[in-house]
């Protein structure tokens, strides 16, 4: 029988972290120049491109009795029309109506009995524009591999590059006995695989002892609660419903600030977010004088030879956000020093070691570990910044003019911030709990003001 591709440990953790109120899908909203193509034309285009991403016609199959992680199998009842949906905004299709549509789509969980993705083809935006709203389960894709898929589904020129549609015949789904036998065989090989995986984690074999020691220290600090984040109003119980806001900024502005004041573009991003949060807390009448939030900042550990592969290849840094600092230039300096220290601390290596050794833990242990992680308040919010292509992309000859990512909310985290740079712009996508973050638009306004303050300080 064939060996089926099994979920990586981090991918499975995202399944365990999902609950009725914690939807573990990531997404994106891309806005295009009009006129909108015909839905059937778009559907046929997607059908042809699926040949490049066969995972999008696969679903998860669970191993009986939980003796192995789920595997990807072909969906013998795959229906493209279920996954590519057509909708239209009521006239006039302004930005507020689009935000409400995105929020509703992101409030609905994906059906695990089917391939874990959807694309909504939304017509009726002002000026004849249209939008593509994508939703993919986090166990399938992270931000970096998502960039690869985006460039596969879109074109780099105005001339559509449509491959010839080939017939697809799904492989039969494995039986329960086959799944169990396959899982047992994999368990037998685990010790040898563990040794090879450890070698791949430690990038410099000559420094293996130091790398492992530093990573173990960072991992121990996390498990021991040393990364505990302060209690704030952005950390409370969440429900299933969402709000969504955006900020569109000029990438050159961020480069100008970092060239003048120091740091990196990502440092400037985190500084702008810290300033936006300061504005939010002040509007809520809360003290900010000594407030330092902790953001989980995912970092890619995807090797060059893994480009184009699906699944998550990420570790995390827990970065301090100096909300207490009113001066934007000083705030940037604090963030820069903090990030520089974190990158040399071994924290990301520790997180990667955790997921590597987790590959060989029984799924029941992984489920318990994921619940333990969820109960710890190690961070106040997620801030993820994914670099995208700096050239224009098209679909069926229409240029993509704006793009915003969507990051899921974890338990007791009412706001998440994701950024995507594209063709000279940075799009901030802000997702909030509908009830616990009714003032999400205030945060968007605060980030805009914070960017303006940084520009003024750098001029």
Protein backbone atom coordinates (compact mmCIF):
# COMPACT_ATOMS: atom_id res chain seq x y z
CA UNK A 1 0.00 0.00 0.00
CA UNK A 2 1.23 3.57 -0.51
CA UNK A 3 2.65 5.56 2.39
CA UNK A 4 0.33 8.52 2.91
CA UNK A 5 1.71 11.92 3.80
CA UNK A 6 1.16 12.51 7.48
CA UNK A 7 0.52 15.80 9.25
CA UNK A 8 3.59 17.44 10.77
CA UNK A 9 3.39 17.86 14.53
CA UNK A 10 2.85 21.63 14.38
CA UNK A 11 0.12 21.14 11.79
CA UNK A 12 -1.68 18.70 14.09
CA UNK A 13 -1.37 21.08 17.03
CA UNK A 14 -3.46 23.58 15.05
CA UNK A 15 -6.19 20.94 14.81
CA UNK A 16 -6.15 20.43 18.58
CA UNK A 17 -6.17 24.18 19.24
CA UNK A 18 -9.36 24.61 17.25
CA UNK A 19 -12.63 24.85 19.14
CA UNK A 20 -16.12 26.30 18.73
CA UNK A 21 -14.77 29.83 19.25
CA UNK A 22 -11.17 29.43 18.10
CA UNK A 23 -11.17 28.98 14.33
CA UNK A 24 -7.73 27.89 13.15
CA UNK A 25 -7.91 29.10 9.56
CA UNK A 26 -5.73 31.74 7.98
CA UNK A 27 -6.92 33.84 5.09
CA UNK A 28 -6.38 36.67 2.70
CA UNK A 29 -8.38 39.36 0.96
CA UNK A 30 -7.15 40.43 -2.47
CA UNK A 31 -8.83 43.32 -4.29
CA UNK A 32 -8.59 43.58 -8.08
CA UNK A 33 -9.26 46.17 -10.74
CA UNK A 34 -12.46 45.67 -12.70
CA UNK A 35 -14.33 44.70 -14.60
CA UNK A 36 -14.88 41.43 -12.77
CA UNK A 37 -14.56 38.30 -14.89
CA UNK A 38 -17.41 35.85 -15.22
CA UNK A 39 -17.63 33.45 -12.27
CA UNK A 40 -17.54 30.40 -14.55
CA UNK A 41 -14.41 31.76 -16.25
CA UNK A 42 -12.75 32.16 -12.85
CA UNK A 43 -13.89 28.69 -11.80
CA UNK A 44 -12.33 27.14 -14.90
CA UNK A 45 -9.08 29.00 -14.22
CA UNK A 46 -8.91 27.62 -10.67
CA UNK A 47 -9.69 24.13 -11.97
CA UNK A 48 -6.66 24.25 -14.23
CA UNK A 49 -4.34 25.58 -11.51
CA UNK A 50 -5.30 22.86 -9.01
CA UNK A 51 -3.01 20.51 -10.90
CA UNK A 52 -0.11 22.43 -9.33
CA UNK A 53 -1.44 22.06 -5.77
CA UNK A 54 -2.89 18.53 -5.44
CA UNK A 55 -3.22 19.00 -1.67
CA UNK A 56 -6.23 21.23 -2.36
CA UNK A 57 -8.12 18.12 -3.53
CA UNK A 58 -7.20 16.15 -0.42
CA UNK A 59 -8.84 15.85 2.99
CA UNK A 60 -7.70 14.52 6.35
CA UNK A 61 -8.20 10.91 7.40
CA UNK A 62 -7.85 10.09 11.10
CA UNK A 63 -6.05 6.95 12.25
CA UNK A 64 -8.26 4.66 14.39
CA UNK A 65 -7.65 4.80 18.15
CA UNK A 66 -5.35 7.80 17.66
CA UNK A 67 -2.22 5.69 17.21
CA UNK A 68 -0.87 8.03 14.54
CA UNK A 69 -1.32 11.53 13.25
CA UNK A 70 -3.94 12.10 10.51
CA UNK A 71 -2.90 11.65 6.88
CA UNK A 72 -3.81 13.43 3.66
CA UNK A 73 -5.94 11.39 1.24
CA UNK A 74 -7.71 12.24 -2.01
CA UNK A 75 -11.31 13.41 -1.61
CA UNK A 76 -13.21 11.02 -3.88
CA UNK A 77 -16.24 13.36 -3.77
CA UNK A 78 -14.32 16.57 -4.47
CA UNK A 79 -16.61 19.34 -5.77
CA UNK A 80 -14.85 22.52 -6.90
CA UNK A 81 -18.04 24.58 -6.77
CA UNK A 82 -18.27 23.90 -3.02
CA UNK A 83 -14.84 25.43 -2.45
CA UNK A 84 -14.98 28.32 -4.94
CA UNK A 85 -18.05 30.36 -4.05
CA UNK A 86 -19.67 33.34 -5.74
CA UNK A 87 -21.21 36.28 -3.89
CA UNK A 88 -21.89 39.98 -4.45
CA UNK A 89 -21.96 43.00 -2.16
CA UNK A 90 -25.26 44.90 -1.96
CA UNK A 91 -25.05 48.26 -3.74
CA UNK A 92 -23.19 50.43 -3.14
CA UNK A 93 -20.38 47.94 -2.51
CA UNK A 94 -18.22 50.12 -0.29
CA UNK A 95 -15.31 49.07 1.93
CA UNK A 96 -17.49 48.73 5.04
CA UNK A 97 -19.70 46.14 3.34
CA UNK A 98 -16.62 44.22 2.24
CA UNK A 99 -15.27 44.25 5.81
CA UNK A 100 -18.55 42.85 7.12
CA UNK A 101 -18.52 40.11 4.47
CA UNK A 102 -14.94 39.13 5.34
CA UNK A 103 -15.82 39.07 9.05
CA UNK A 104 -18.78 36.73 8.42
CA UNK A 105 -16.70 34.39 6.28
CA UNK A 106 -13.92 34.23 8.87
CA UNK A 107 -16.50 33.50 11.60
CA UNK A 108 -17.39 30.13 10.04
CA UNK A 109 -15.25 27.05 10.60
CA UNK A 110 -14.09 24.87 7.75
CA UNK A 111 -15.66 21.43 7.34
CA UNK A 112 -13.02 18.83 8.27
CA UNK A 113 -14.74 16.16 6.17
CA UNK A 114 -13.67 18.06 3.03
CA UNK A 115 -10.47 19.72 1.74
CA UNK A 116 -9.73 22.52 4.18
CA UNK A 117 -10.00 25.64 2.02
CA UNK A 118 -12.44 28.06 0.39
CA UNK A 119 -12.18 30.96 -2.06
CA UNK A 120 -15.01 33.49 -2.24
CA UNK A 121 -15.35 35.37 -5.53
CA UNK A 122 -16.97 38.65 -4.41
CA UNK A 123 -18.38 41.04 -7.01
CA UNK A 124 -20.05 44.42 -6.68
CA UNK A 125 -17.26 46.51 -5.15
CA UNK A 126 -17.19 50.21 -6.03
CA UNK A 127 -15.51 51.25 -9.30
CA UNK A 128 -16.22 47.82 -10.76
CA UNK A 129 -13.61 46.13 -8.56
CA UNK A 130 -13.92 42.60 -7.23
CA UNK A 131 -12.30 40.67 -4.38
CA UNK A 132 -11.03 37.17 -3.73
CA UNK A 133 -11.43 36.10 -0.11
CA UNK A 134 -9.45 32.97 0.70
CA UNK A 135 -9.69 30.79 3.79
CA UNK A 136 -7.36 27.85 4.48
CA UNK A 137 -6.89 25.81 7.63
CA UNK A 138 -3.66 26.60 9.45
CA UNK A 139 -2.72 22.91 9.48
CA UNK A 140 -2.40 23.05 5.69
CA UNK A 141 -0.49 26.23 5.10
CA UNK A 142 1.56 28.93 6.77
CA UNK A 143 2.16 32.44 5.52
CA UNK A 144 5.41 31.70 3.70
CA UNK A 145 4.16 28.65 1.79
CA UNK A 146 0.97 30.61 1.16
CA UNK A 147 2.98 33.10 -0.83
CA UNK A 148 4.07 30.26 -3.08
CA UNK A 149 0.46 29.17 -3.65
CA UNK A 150 -0.63 32.73 -4.36
CA UNK A 151 1.91 33.03 -7.15
CA UNK A 152 0.75 29.67 -8.55
CA UNK A 153 -2.90 30.70 -8.66
CA UNK A 154 -2.15 34.18 -10.03
CA UNK A 155 -0.18 35.44 -13.04
CA UNK A 156 2.85 37.70 -13.26
CA UNK A 157 1.64 39.25 -16.52
CA UNK A 158 -1.67 40.57 -17.80
CA UNK A 159 -1.84 37.67 -20.24
CA UNK A 160 -3.50 34.72 -18.46
CA UNK A 161 -1.38 31.58 -18.39
CA UNK A 162 -4.03 28.87 -18.39
CA UNK A 163 -2.72 25.29 -18.36
CA UNK A 164 -4.67 22.63 -20.17
CA UNK A 165 -7.15 21.04 -17.79
CA UNK A 166 -6.21 17.41 -17.22
CA UNK A 167 -8.60 14.75 -16.02
CA UNK A 168 -8.18 13.86 -12.36
CA UNK A 169 -8.79 10.43 -10.91
CA UNK A 170 -8.59 10.29 -7.11
CA UNK A 171 -6.80 7.47 -5.34
CA UNK A 172 -9.16 5.25 -3.31
CA UNK A 173 -9.38 6.22 0.33
CA UNK A 174 -7.42 3.89 2.65
CA UNK A 175 -9.26 1.52 4.94
CA UNK A 176 -9.02 1.73 8.72
CA UNK A 177 -6.73 -1.32 8.74
CA UNK A 178 -4.42 0.27 6.17
CA UNK A 179 -4.19 3.46 8.20
CA UNK A 180 -3.30 1.55 11.38
CA UNK A 181 -0.67 -0.61 9.67
CA UNK A 182 0.91 2.45 8.09
CA UNK A 183 1.02 4.25 11.45
CA UNK A 184 2.63 1.26 13.19
CA UNK A 185 5.30 0.99 10.49
CA UNK A 186 6.11 4.67 10.90
CA UNK A 187 6.41 4.29 14.69
CA UNK A 188 9.04 1.59 14.22
CA UNK A 189 11.25 4.00 12.24
CA UNK A 190 10.87 6.89 14.71
CA UNK A 191 14.20 6.55 16.61
CA UNK A 192 16.29 6.82 13.46
CA UNK A 193 14.14 9.66 12.15
CA UNK A 194 14.55 11.53 15.45
CA UNK A 195 18.32 11.53 15.09
CA UNK A 196 18.14 12.80 11.52
CA UNK A 197 15.63 15.50 12.47
CA UNK A 198 17.81 16.77 15.30
CA UNK A 199 20.67 17.13 12.85
CA UNK A 200 18.46 19.23 10.55
CA UNK A 201 17.35 21.51 13.40
CA UNK A 202 20.90 22.40 14.38
CA UNK A 203 22.01 24.35 11.34
CA UNK A 204 25.69 24.48 12.34
CA UNK A 205 26.88 21.05 13.51
CA UNK A 206 30.08 22.59 14.91
CA UNK A 207 28.00 24.55 17.39
CA UNK A 208 25.61 21.72 18.25
CA UNK A 209 26.07 21.75 22.05
CA UNK A 210 25.57 25.52 22.37
CA UNK A 211 22.60 25.56 20.00
CA UNK A 212 20.85 22.73 21.82
CA UNK A 213 21.61 24.20 25.25
CA UNK A 214 20.34 27.66 24.29
CA UNK A 215 17.26 26.18 22.64
CA UNK A 216 16.54 24.00 25.66
CA UNK A 217 16.86 27.03 27.95
CA UNK A 218 14.38 28.99 25.85
CA UNK A 219 12.01 26.03 25.72
CA UNK A 220 12.26 25.58 29.48
CA UNK A 221 11.51 29.25 30.02
CA UNK A 222 8.33 28.94 27.98
CA UNK A 223 7.12 25.77 29.67
CA UNK A 224 8.01 27.24 33.06
CA UNK A 225 5.94 30.34 32.42
CA UNK A 226 8.79 32.87 32.18
CA UNK A 227 7.17 34.30 29.04
CA UNK A 228 3.94 35.12 30.87
CA UNK A 229 2.19 38.13 29.33
CA UNK A 230 0.48 40.82 31.42
CA UNK A 231 -3.32 40.76 31.82
CA UNK A 232 -4.97 43.36 29.58
CA UNK A 233 -8.36 44.17 28.11
CA UNK A 234 -7.32 42.52 24.83
CA UNK A 235 -7.08 39.21 26.68
CA UNK A 236 -10.49 37.85 27.58
CA UNK A 237 -12.88 35.14 26.47
CA UNK A 238 -13.85 35.19 22.80
CA UNK A 239 -16.90 34.01 20.90
CA UNK A 240 -17.26 32.62 17.38
CA UNK A 241 -17.97 35.92 15.59
CA UNK A 242 -15.40 38.34 14.17
CA UNK A 243 -14.75 41.91 13.08
CA UNK A 244 -12.21 42.89 10.42
CA UNK A 245 -10.37 46.13 9.69
CA UNK A 246 -7.52 47.15 7.39
CA UNK A 247 -4.67 49.64 7.12
CA UNK A 248 -2.87 50.24 3.82
CA UNK A 249 0.61 51.75 4.07
CA UNK A 250 3.51 52.58 1.76
CA UNK A 251 6.47 50.22 2.09
CA UNK A 252 8.85 53.08 1.23
CA UNK A 253 7.67 54.91 4.36
CA UNK A 254 8.82 52.01 6.53
CA UNK A 255 12.17 51.85 4.72
CA UNK A 256 12.60 55.60 5.14
CA UNK A 257 12.00 55.34 8.89
CA UNK A 258 14.43 52.46 9.39
CA UNK A 259 17.09 54.17 7.25
CA UNK A 260 16.78 57.33 9.32
CA UNK A 261 16.19 55.97 12.83
CA UNK A 262 17.76 52.50 12.59
CA UNK A 263 16.39 48.99 12.93
CA UNK A 264 14.68 46.85 10.33
CA UNK A 265 11.39 47.13 8.47
CA UNK A 266 9.93 44.54 10.85
CA UNK A 267 11.11 46.63 13.82
CA UNK A 268 9.26 49.63 12.37
CA UNK A 269 6.16 47.46 11.90
CA UNK A 270 6.21 46.32 15.54
CA UNK A 271 6.78 49.91 16.67
CA UNK A 272 3.77 51.11 14.68
CA UNK A 273 1.67 48.32 16.20
CA UNK A 274 2.83 49.27 19.71
CA UNK A 275 1.84 52.87 19.01
CA UNK A 276 -1.54 51.77 17.70
CA UNK A 277 -2.15 49.70 20.83
CA UNK A 278 -1.22 52.69 22.99
CA UNK A 279 -3.86 54.71 21.14
CA UNK A 280 -6.41 51.91 21.67
CA UNK A 281 -5.79 51.57 25.41
CA UNK A 282 -5.89 55.34 25.91
CA UNK A 283 -9.24 55.47 24.10
CA UNK A 284 -10.49 52.83 26.53
CA UNK A 285 -9.40 54.98 29.48
CA UNK A 286 -6.73 52.48 30.58
CA UNK A 287 -3.29 53.29 31.98
CA UNK A 288 -0.39 52.87 29.60
CA UNK A 289 2.45 54.37 31.68
CA UNK A 290 4.02 51.01 32.54
CA UNK A 291 2.31 48.78 29.99
CA UNK A 292 4.49 46.40 27.99
CA UNK A 293 2.64 43.85 25.91
CA UNK A 294 4.09 40.62 24.59
CA UNK A 295 3.48 39.71 20.96
CA UNK A 296 3.96 36.30 19.45
CA UNK A 297 5.92 36.92 16.25
CA UNK A 298 6.09 33.84 13.99
CA UNK A 299 9.36 33.42 12.10
CA UNK A 300 9.91 31.13 9.15
CA UNK A 301 12.33 28.23 9.54
CA UNK A 302 11.58 26.96 6.03
CA UNK A 303 14.76 25.75 4.37
CA UNK A 304 15.53 26.65 0.76
CA UNK A 305 14.89 23.08 -0.38
CA UNK A 306 11.41 23.23 1.20
CA UNK A 307 10.17 26.19 -0.87
CA UNK A 308 6.87 25.24 -2.48
CA UNK A 309 6.07 22.55 0.09
CA UNK A 310 2.82 22.89 1.97
CA UNK A 311 2.48 22.82 5.74
CA UNK A 312 3.89 24.91 8.57
CA UNK A 313 7.63 25.52 8.93
CA UNK A 314 7.52 28.19 11.61
CA UNK A 315 8.85 28.91 15.08
CA UNK A 316 7.95 31.84 17.30
CA UNK A 317 9.53 34.74 19.12
CA UNK A 318 7.81 36.46 22.05
CA UNK A 319 8.55 40.12 21.47
CA UNK A 320 7.96 42.93 23.96
CA UNK A 321 5.87 45.86 22.70
CA UNK A 322 6.73 49.04 24.67
CA UNK A 323 3.26 50.55 24.76
CA UNK A 324 4.44 52.67 27.69
CA UNK A 325 6.86 54.71 25.54
CA UNK A 326 5.23 57.87 24.10
CA UNK A 327 8.18 58.92 21.92
CA UNK A 328 8.06 57.06 18.56
CA UNK A 329 11.82 57.20 17.92
CA UNK A 330 12.63 55.89 21.39
CA UNK A 331 9.95 53.22 21.02
CA UNK A 332 11.62 52.03 17.80
CA UNK A 333 15.01 51.84 19.50
CA UNK A 334 13.56 49.73 22.33
CA UNK A 335 11.90 47.36 19.85
CA UNK A 336 15.09 47.07 17.79
CA UNK A 337 17.22 46.14 20.80
CA UNK A 338 14.60 43.68 22.01
CA UNK A 339 14.36 41.91 18.65
CA UNK A 340 18.14 41.80 18.28
CA UNK A 341 18.43 40.08 21.66
CA UNK A 342 15.60 37.65 20.89
CA UNK A 343 17.11 36.54 17.59
CA UNK A 344 20.34 35.54 19.35
CA UNK A 345 18.63 34.01 22.39
CA UNK A 346 17.83 30.59 20.95
CA UNK A 347 14.13 31.11 21.59
CA UNK A 348 13.11 30.16 18.05
CA UNK A 349 15.48 27.16 18.14
CA UNK A 350 13.77 26.03 21.34
CA UNK A 351 10.37 26.19 19.70
CA UNK A 352 11.68 24.27 16.71
CA UNK A 353 13.18 21.61 18.97
CA UNK A 354 9.78 21.21 20.63
CA UNK A 355 8.03 20.55 17.32
CA UNK A 356 10.82 18.26 16.09
CA UNK A 357 10.70 15.94 19.09
CA UNK A 358 6.91 16.20 19.07
CA UNK A 359 6.96 14.36 15.75
CA UNK A 360 7.56 11.15 17.70
CA UNK A 361 5.11 11.70 20.55
CA UNK A 362 1.78 9.85 20.57
CA UNK A 363 -1.12 11.98 19.27
CA UNK A 364 -2.87 11.83 22.67
CA UNK A 365 0.17 13.47 24.27
CA UNK A 366 0.17 16.14 21.56
CA UNK A 367 -3.49 16.90 22.26
CA UNK A 368 -2.76 17.33 25.97
CA UNK A 369 0.27 19.51 25.20
CA UNK A 370 -1.75 21.77 22.92
CA UNK A 371 -4.34 22.31 25.65
CA UNK A 372 -1.54 23.16 28.10
CA UNK A 373 -0.11 25.73 25.70
CA UNK A 374 -3.57 27.24 25.16
CA UNK A 375 -4.04 27.71 28.91
CA UNK A 376 -0.76 29.61 29.29
CA UNK A 377 -0.96 33.33 28.58
CA UNK A 378 2.45 33.53 26.95
CA UNK A 379 1.47 36.44 24.70
CA UNK A 380 -1.16 39.16 24.40
CA UNK A 381 -1.62 39.01 20.64
CA UNK A 382 -0.10 37.69 17.42
CA UNK A 383 1.71 40.03 15.03
CA UNK A 384 2.86 38.29 11.86
CA UNK A 385 4.61 40.01 8.96
CA UNK A 386 4.97 38.05 5.72
CA UNK A 387 7.03 39.44 2.83
CA UNK A 388 5.24 39.13 -0.48
CA UNK A 389 6.16 39.73 -4.13
CA UNK A 390 7.18 43.28 -4.98
CA UNK A 391 5.82 43.03 -8.51
CA UNK A 392 2.18 43.20 -9.65
CA UNK A 393 0.11 40.05 -9.92
CA UNK A 394 -2.96 39.43 -12.05
CA UNK A 395 -5.89 37.10 -12.33
CA UNK A 396 -7.48 36.72 -15.75
CA UNK A 397 -5.79 39.96 -16.82
CA UNK A 398 -7.02 42.04 -13.86
CA UNK A 399 -4.33 43.58 -11.64
CA UNK A 400 -4.33 42.91 -7.92
CA UNK A 401 -4.22 46.35 -6.27
CA UNK A 402 -4.50 45.56 -2.55
CA UNK A 403 -4.00 42.47 -0.41
CA UNK A 404 -4.59 41.91 3.30
CA UNK A 405 -3.91 38.75 5.34
CA UNK A 406 -6.04 37.26 8.12
CA UNK A 407 -4.57 35.55 11.20
CA UNK A 408 -6.73 33.45 13.56
CA UNK A 409 -7.53 34.34 17.17
CA UNK A 410 -6.41 31.99 19.92
CA UNK A 411 -8.32 31.48 23.14
CA UNK A 412 -8.39 34.61 25.34
CA UNK A 413 -6.83 36.72 22.58
CA UNK A 414 -9.35 39.17 21.15
CA UNK A 415 -7.16 40.81 18.48
CA UNK A 416 -4.75 39.46 15.86
CA UNK A 417 -2.66 41.46 13.39
CA UNK A 418 -1.21 40.19 10.12
CA UNK A 419 0.73 42.09 7.46
CA UNK A 420 1.61 41.34 3.86
CA UNK A 421 3.91 43.43 1.69
CA UNK A 422 3.05 43.57 -1.99
CA UNK A 423 4.16 45.77 -4.90
CA UNK A 424 5.38 48.63 -2.72
CA UNK A 425 2.57 48.49 -0.15
CA UNK A 426 2.03 46.91 3.26
CA UNK A 427 -1.48 45.70 3.99
CA UNK A 428 -2.44 45.31 7.66
CA UNK A 429 -5.29 42.88 8.31
CA UNK A 430 -6.80 43.27 11.79
CA UNK A 431 -9.09 40.51 13.06
CA UNK A 432 -11.03 41.01 16.28
CA UNK A 433 -13.66 39.25 18.34
CA UNK A 434 -17.05 40.76 17.53
CA UNK A 435 -18.11 41.35 21.14
CA UNK A 436 -14.77 41.81 22.93
CA UNK A 437 -13.21 44.15 20.32
CA UNK A 438 -16.05 46.47 19.23
CA UNK A 439 -13.51 49.29 18.82
CA UNK A 440 -11.23 47.45 16.38
CA UNK A 441 -11.46 50.44 14.02
CA UNK A 442 -9.83 52.55 16.75
CA UNK A 443 -6.77 50.29 16.61
CA UNK A 444 -6.63 50.70 12.82
CA UNK A 445 -6.77 54.47 13.25
CA UNK A 446 -4.07 54.27 15.93
CA UNK A 447 -1.71 52.32 13.66
CA UNK A 448 -2.18 54.94 10.93
CA UNK A 449 -1.37 57.71 13.43
CA UNK A 450 1.64 55.79 14.72
CA UNK A 451 3.06 55.41 11.21
CA UNK A 452 2.62 59.16 10.64
CA UNK A 453 4.42 59.91 13.94
CA UNK A 454 7.35 57.69 12.96
CA UNK A 455 7.61 59.43 9.59
CA UNK A 456 7.58 62.82 11.28
CA UNK A 457 10.27 61.73 13.75
CA UNK A 458 12.47 60.51 10.90
CA UNK A 459 12.18 63.59 8.70
